[in-house]
Amino acid sequence: MNLTFSLTPLLALVAGLLILVVPRLLSYIVALYLIVIGLVGLLGGSLGIR
């Protein structure tokens, strides 16, 4: 049985749990997400792990 992991769903899960535990983190998590997505888009990378 082969298991493959993708980074994006894992990050979304962690971020969602952190927001539930500490709602004040919402703005920081959203800002960090937007910065990472912007950098990945500009640099032409991919967030998936192969």
PDB file of N, CA and C in Angstrom:
ATOM      1  N   MET A   1       0.852  -1.185   0.000  1.00  0.00           N
ATOM      2  CA  MET A   1       0.000   0.000   0.000  1.00  0.00           C
ATOM      3  C   MET A   1       0.890   1.239   0.000  1.00  0.00           C
ATOM      4  N   ASN A   2       0.652   2.129  -0.941  1.00  0.00           N
ATOM      5  CA  ASN A   2       1.428   3.361  -1.047  1.00  0.00           C
ATOM      6  C   ASN A   2       0.640   4.531  -0.492  1.00  0.00           C
ATOM      7  N   LEU A   3       1.273   5.295   0.371  1.00  0.00           N
ATOM      8  CA  LEU A   3       0.664   6.510   0.901  1.00  0.00           C
ATOM      9  C   LEU A   3       1.437   7.706   0.377  1.00  0.00           C
ATOM     10  N   THR A   4       0.729   8.662  -0.164  1.00  0.00           N
ATOM     11  CA  THR A   4       1.373   9.895  -0.603  1.00  0.00           C
ATOM     12  C   THR A   4       0.794  11.045   0.209  1.00  0.00           C
ATOM     13  N   PHE A   5       1.648  11.964   0.564  1.00  0.00           N
ATOM     14  CA  PHE A   5       1.234  13.103   1.368  1.00  0.00           C
ATOM     15  C   PHE A   5       1.405  14.381   0.565  1.00  0.00           C
ATOM     16  N   SER A   6       0.441  15.251   0.692  1.00  0.00           N
ATOM     17  CA  SER A   6       0.527  16.559   0.073  1.00  0.00           C
ATOM     18  C   SER A   6       0.600  17.593   1.185  1.00  0.00           C
ATOM     19  N   LEU A   7       1.423  18.577   0.994  1.00  0.00           N
ATOM     20  CA  LEU A   7       1.660  19.567   2.032  1.00  0.00           C
ATOM     21  C   LEU A   7       0.467  20.497   2.239  1.00  0.00           C
ATOM     22  N   THR A   8      -0.222  20.859   1.175  1.00  0.00           N
ATOM     23  CA  THR A   8      -1.309  21.832   1.279  1.00  0.00           C
ATOM     24  C   THR A   8      -2.453  21.377   2.193  1.00  0.00           C
ATOM     25  N   PRO A   9      -2.990  20.153   2.033  1.00  0.00           N
ATOM     26  CA  PRO A   9      -4.056  19.738   2.957  1.00  0.00           C
ATOM     27  C   PRO A   9      -3.587  19.628   4.403  1.00  0.00           C
ATOM     28  N   LEU A  10      -2.356  19.214   4.594  1.00  0.00           N
ATOM     29  CA  LEU A  10      -1.812  19.119   5.946  1.00  0.00           C
ATOM     30  C   LEU A  10      -1.711  20.503   6.583  1.00  0.00           C
ATOM     31  N   LEU A  11      -1.233  21.483   5.825  1.00  0.00           N
ATOM     32  CA  LEU A  11      -1.157  22.855   6.341  1.00  0.00           C
ATOM     33  C   LEU A  11      -2.546  23.409   6.634  1.00  0.00           C
ATOM     34  N   ALA A  12      -3.512  23.095   5.782  1.00  0.00           N
ATOM     35  CA  ALA A  12      -4.880  23.561   6.006  1.00  0.00           C
ATOM     36  C   ALA A  12      -5.463  22.968   7.282  1.00  0.00           C
ATOM     37  N   LEU A  13      -5.182  21.694   7.520  1.00  0.00           N
ATOM     38  CA  LEU A  13      -5.666  21.037   8.731  1.00  0.00           C
ATOM     39  C   LEU A  13      -5.051  21.659   9.980  1.00  0.00           C
ATOM     40  N   VAL A  14      -3.755  21.858   9.965  1.00  0.00           N
ATOM     41  CA  VAL A  14      -3.071  22.471  11.109  1.00  0.00           C
ATOM     42  C   VAL A  14      -3.578  23.886  11.342  1.00  0.00           C
ATOM     43  N   ALA A  15      -3.717  24.655  10.267  1.00  0.00           N
ATOM     44  CA  ALA A  15      -4.205  26.027  10.407  1.00  0.00           C
ATOM     45  C   ALA A  15      -5.624  26.051  10.967  1.00  0.00           C
ATOM     46  N   GLY A  16      -6.478  25.161  10.497  1.00  0.00           N
ATOM     47  CA  GLY A  16      -7.844  25.103  11.003  1.00  0.00           C
ATOM     48  C   GLY A  16      -7.893  24.767  12.483  1.00  0.00           C
ATOM     49  N   LEU A  17      -7.060  23.818  12.908  1.00  0.00           N
ATOM     50  CA  LEU A  17      -7.022  23.465  14.328  1.00  0.00           C
ATOM     51  C   LEU A  17      -6.499  24.626  15.175  1.00  0.00           C
ATOM     52  N   LEU A  18      -5.475  25.317  14.673  1.00  0.00           N
ATOM     53  CA  LEU A  18      -4.946  26.462  15.415  1.00  0.00           C
ATOM     54  C   LEU A  18      -5.986  27.572  15.538  1.00  0.00           C
ATOM     55  N   ILE A  19      -6.763  27.790  14.477  1.00  0.00           N
ATOM     56  CA  ILE A  19      -7.795  28.823  14.523  1.00  0.00           C
ATOM     57  C   ILE A  19      -8.872  28.449  15.541  1.00  0.00           C
ATOM     58  N   LEU A  20      -9.209  27.163  15.630  1.00  0.00           N
ATOM     59  CA  LEU A  20     -10.200  26.737  16.625  1.00  0.00           C
ATOM     60  C   LEU A  20      -9.687  26.941  18.044  1.00  0.00           C
ATOM     61  N   VAL A  21      -8.408  26.660  18.262  1.00  0.00           N
ATOM     62  CA  VAL A  21      -7.841  26.760  19.604  1.00  0.00           C
ATOM     63  C   VAL A  21      -7.582  28.218  19.987  1.00  0.00           C
ATOM     64  N   VAL A  22      -7.004  28.985  19.051  1.00  0.00           N
ATOM     65  CA  VAL A  22      -6.648  30.378  19.331  1.00  0.00           C
ATOM     66  C   VAL A  22      -7.195  31.251  18.191  1.00  0.00           C
ATOM     67  N   PRO A  23      -8.433  31.716  18.305  1.00  0.00           N
ATOM     68  CA  PRO A  23      -9.049  32.482  17.210  1.00  0.00           C
ATOM     69  C   PRO A  23      -8.281  33.756  16.825  1.00  0.00           C
ATOM     70  N   ARG A  24      -7.486  34.302  17.723  1.00  0.00           N
ATOM     71  CA  ARG A  24      -6.718  35.507  17.390  1.00  0.00           C
ATOM     72  C   ARG A  24      -5.677  35.248  16.313  1.00  0.00           C
ATOM     73  N   LEU A  25      -5.325  33.979  16.095  1.00  0.00           N
ATOM     74  CA  LEU A  25      -4.319  33.637  15.090  1.00  0.00           C
ATOM     75  C   LEU A  25      -4.850  33.735  13.662  1.00  0.00           C
ATOM     76  N   LEU A  26      -6.142  33.917  13.497  1.00  0.00           N
ATOM     77  CA  LEU A  26      -6.740  33.892  12.162  1.00  0.00           C
ATOM     78  C   LEU A  26      -6.063  34.861  11.204  1.00  0.00           C
ATOM     79  N   SER A  27      -5.885  36.101  11.608  1.00  0.00           N
ATOM     80  CA  SER A  27      -5.296  37.090  10.700  1.00  0.00           C
ATOM     81  C   SER A  27      -3.854  36.740  10.357  1.00  0.00           C
ATOM     82  N   TYR A  28      -3.105  36.215  11.328  1.00  0.00           N
ATOM     83  CA  TYR A  28      -1.720  35.840  11.059  1.00  0.00           C
ATOM     84  C   TYR A  28      -1.638  34.643  10.113  1.00  0.00           C
ATOM     85  N   ILE A  29      -2.506  33.665  10.316  1.00  0.00           N
ATOM     86  CA  ILE A  29      -2.496  32.481   9.464  1.00  0.00           C
ATOM     87  C   ILE A  29      -2.892  32.845   8.038  1.00  0.00           C
ATOM     88  N   VAL A  30      -3.901  33.680   7.889  1.00  0.00           N
ATOM     89  CA  VAL A  30      -4.332  34.100   6.553  1.00  0.00           C
ATOM     90  C   VAL A  30      -3.227  34.902   5.871  1.00  0.00           C
ATOM     91  N   ALA A  31      -2.599  35.805   6.602  1.00  0.00           N
ATOM     92  CA  ALA A  31      -1.522  36.605   6.024  1.00  0.00           C
ATOM     93  C   ALA A  31      -0.351  35.721   5.600  1.00  0.00           C
ATOM     94  N   LEU A  32       0.038  34.780   6.445  1.00  0.00           N
ATOM     95  CA  LEU A  32       1.139  33.879   6.115  1.00  0.00           C
ATOM     96  C   LEU A  32       0.792  33.023   4.904  1.00  0.00           C
ATOM     97  N   TYR A  33      -0.443  32.537   4.845  1.00  0.00           N
ATOM     98  CA  TYR A  33      -0.887  31.736   3.709  1.00  0.00           C
ATOM     99  C   TYR A  33      -0.798  32.542   2.406  1.00  0.00           C
ATOM    100  N   LEU A  34      -1.284  33.774   2.440  1.00  0.00           N
ATOM    101  CA  LEU A  34      -1.258  34.606   1.241  1.00  0.00           C
ATOM    102  C   LEU A  34       0.170  34.912   0.800  1.00  0.00           C
ATOM    103  N   ILE A  35       1.058  35.151   1.748  1.00  0.00           N
ATOM    104  CA  ILE A  35       2.455  35.420   1.422  1.00  0.00           C
ATOM    105  C   ILE A  35       3.099  34.190   0.782  1.00  0.00           C
ATOM    106  N   VAL A  36       2.861  33.021   1.367  1.00  0.00           N
ATOM    107  CA  VAL A  36       3.445  31.785   0.825  1.00  0.00           C
ATOM    108  C   VAL A  36       2.908  31.499  -0.572  1.00  0.00           C
ATOM    109  N   ILE A  37       1.598  31.613  -0.759  1.00  0.00           N
ATOM    110  CA  ILE A  37       1.002  31.362  -2.073  1.00  0.00           C
ATOM    111  C   ILE A  37       1.527  32.365  -3.102  1.00  0.00           C
ATOM    112  N   GLY A  38       1.677  33.614  -2.708  1.00  0.00           N
ATOM    113  CA  GLY A  38       2.220  34.622  -3.610  1.00  0.00           C
ATOM    114  C   GLY A  38       3.653  34.320  -4.009  1.00  0.00           C
ATOM    115  N   LEU A  39       4.481  33.933  -3.051  1.00  0.00           N
ATOM    116  CA  LEU A  39       5.870  33.595  -3.359  1.00  0.00           C
ATOM    117  C   LEU A  39       5.974  32.365  -4.253  1.00  0.00           C
ATOM    118  N   VAL A  40       5.152  31.366  -3.961  1.00  0.00           N
ATOM    119  CA  VAL A  40       5.159  30.163  -4.795  1.00  0.00           C
ATOM    120  C   VAL A  40       4.724  30.511  -6.219  1.00  0.00           C
ATOM    121  N   GLY A  41       3.725  31.367  -6.350  1.00  0.00           N
ATOM    122  CA  GLY A  41       3.266  31.770  -7.674  1.00  0.00           C
ATOM    123  C   GLY A  41       4.318  32.554  -8.437  1.00  0.00           C
ATOM    124  N   LEU A  42       5.025  33.426  -7.744  1.00  0.00           N
ATOM    125  CA  LEU A  42       6.060  34.224  -8.404  1.00  0.00           C
ATOM    126  C   LEU A  42       7.278  33.392  -8.775  1.00  0.00           C
ATOM    127  N   LEU A  43       7.622  32.448  -7.940  1.00  0.00           N
ATOM    128  CA  LEU A  43       8.815  31.638  -8.177  1.00  0.00           C
ATOM    129  C   LEU A  43       8.536  30.399  -9.023  1.00  0.00           C
ATOM    130  N   GLY A  44       7.263  30.140  -9.305  1.00  0.00           N
ATOM    131  CA  GLY A  44       6.899  29.029 -10.164  1.00  0.00           C
ATOM    132  C   GLY A  44       7.056  27.664  -9.526  1.00  0.00           C
ATOM    133  N   GLY A  45       6.979  27.607  -8.211  1.00  0.00           N
ATOM    134  CA  GLY A  45       7.137  26.331  -7.506  1.00  0.00           C
ATOM    135  C   GLY A  45       5.818  25.609  -7.360  1.00  0.00           C
ATOM    136  N   SER A  46       5.858  24.530  -6.613  1.00  0.00           N
ATOM    137  CA  SER A  46       4.673  23.741  -6.324  1.00  0.00           C
ATOM    138  C   SER A  46       4.686  23.389  -4.841  1.00  0.00           C
ATOM    139  N   LEU A  47       3.514  23.386  -4.198  1.00  0.00           N
ATOM    140  CA  LEU A  47       3.443  23.067  -2.785  1.00  0.00           C
ATOM    141  C   LEU A  47       3.306  21.571  -2.515  1.00  0.00           C
ATOM    142  N   GLY A  48       3.148  20.766  -3.545  1.00  0.00           N
ATOM    143  CA  GLY A  48       2.984  19.328  -3.351  1.00  0.00           C
ATOM    144  C   GLY A  48       4.324  18.641  -3.128  1.00  0.00           C
ATOM    145  N   ILE A  49       4.298  17.607  -2.286  1.00  0.00           N
ATOM    146  CA  ILE A  49       5.504  16.808  -2.061  1.00  0.00           C
ATOM    147  C   ILE A  49       5.348  15.509  -2.826  1.00  0.00           C
ATOM    148  N   ARG A  50       6.350  15.165  -3.587  1.00  0.00           N
ATOM    149  CA  ARG A  50       6.265  13.925  -4.378  1.00  0.00           C
ATOM    150  C   ARG A  50       7.208  12.901  -3.857  1.00  0.00           C
TER     151      ARG A  50
END
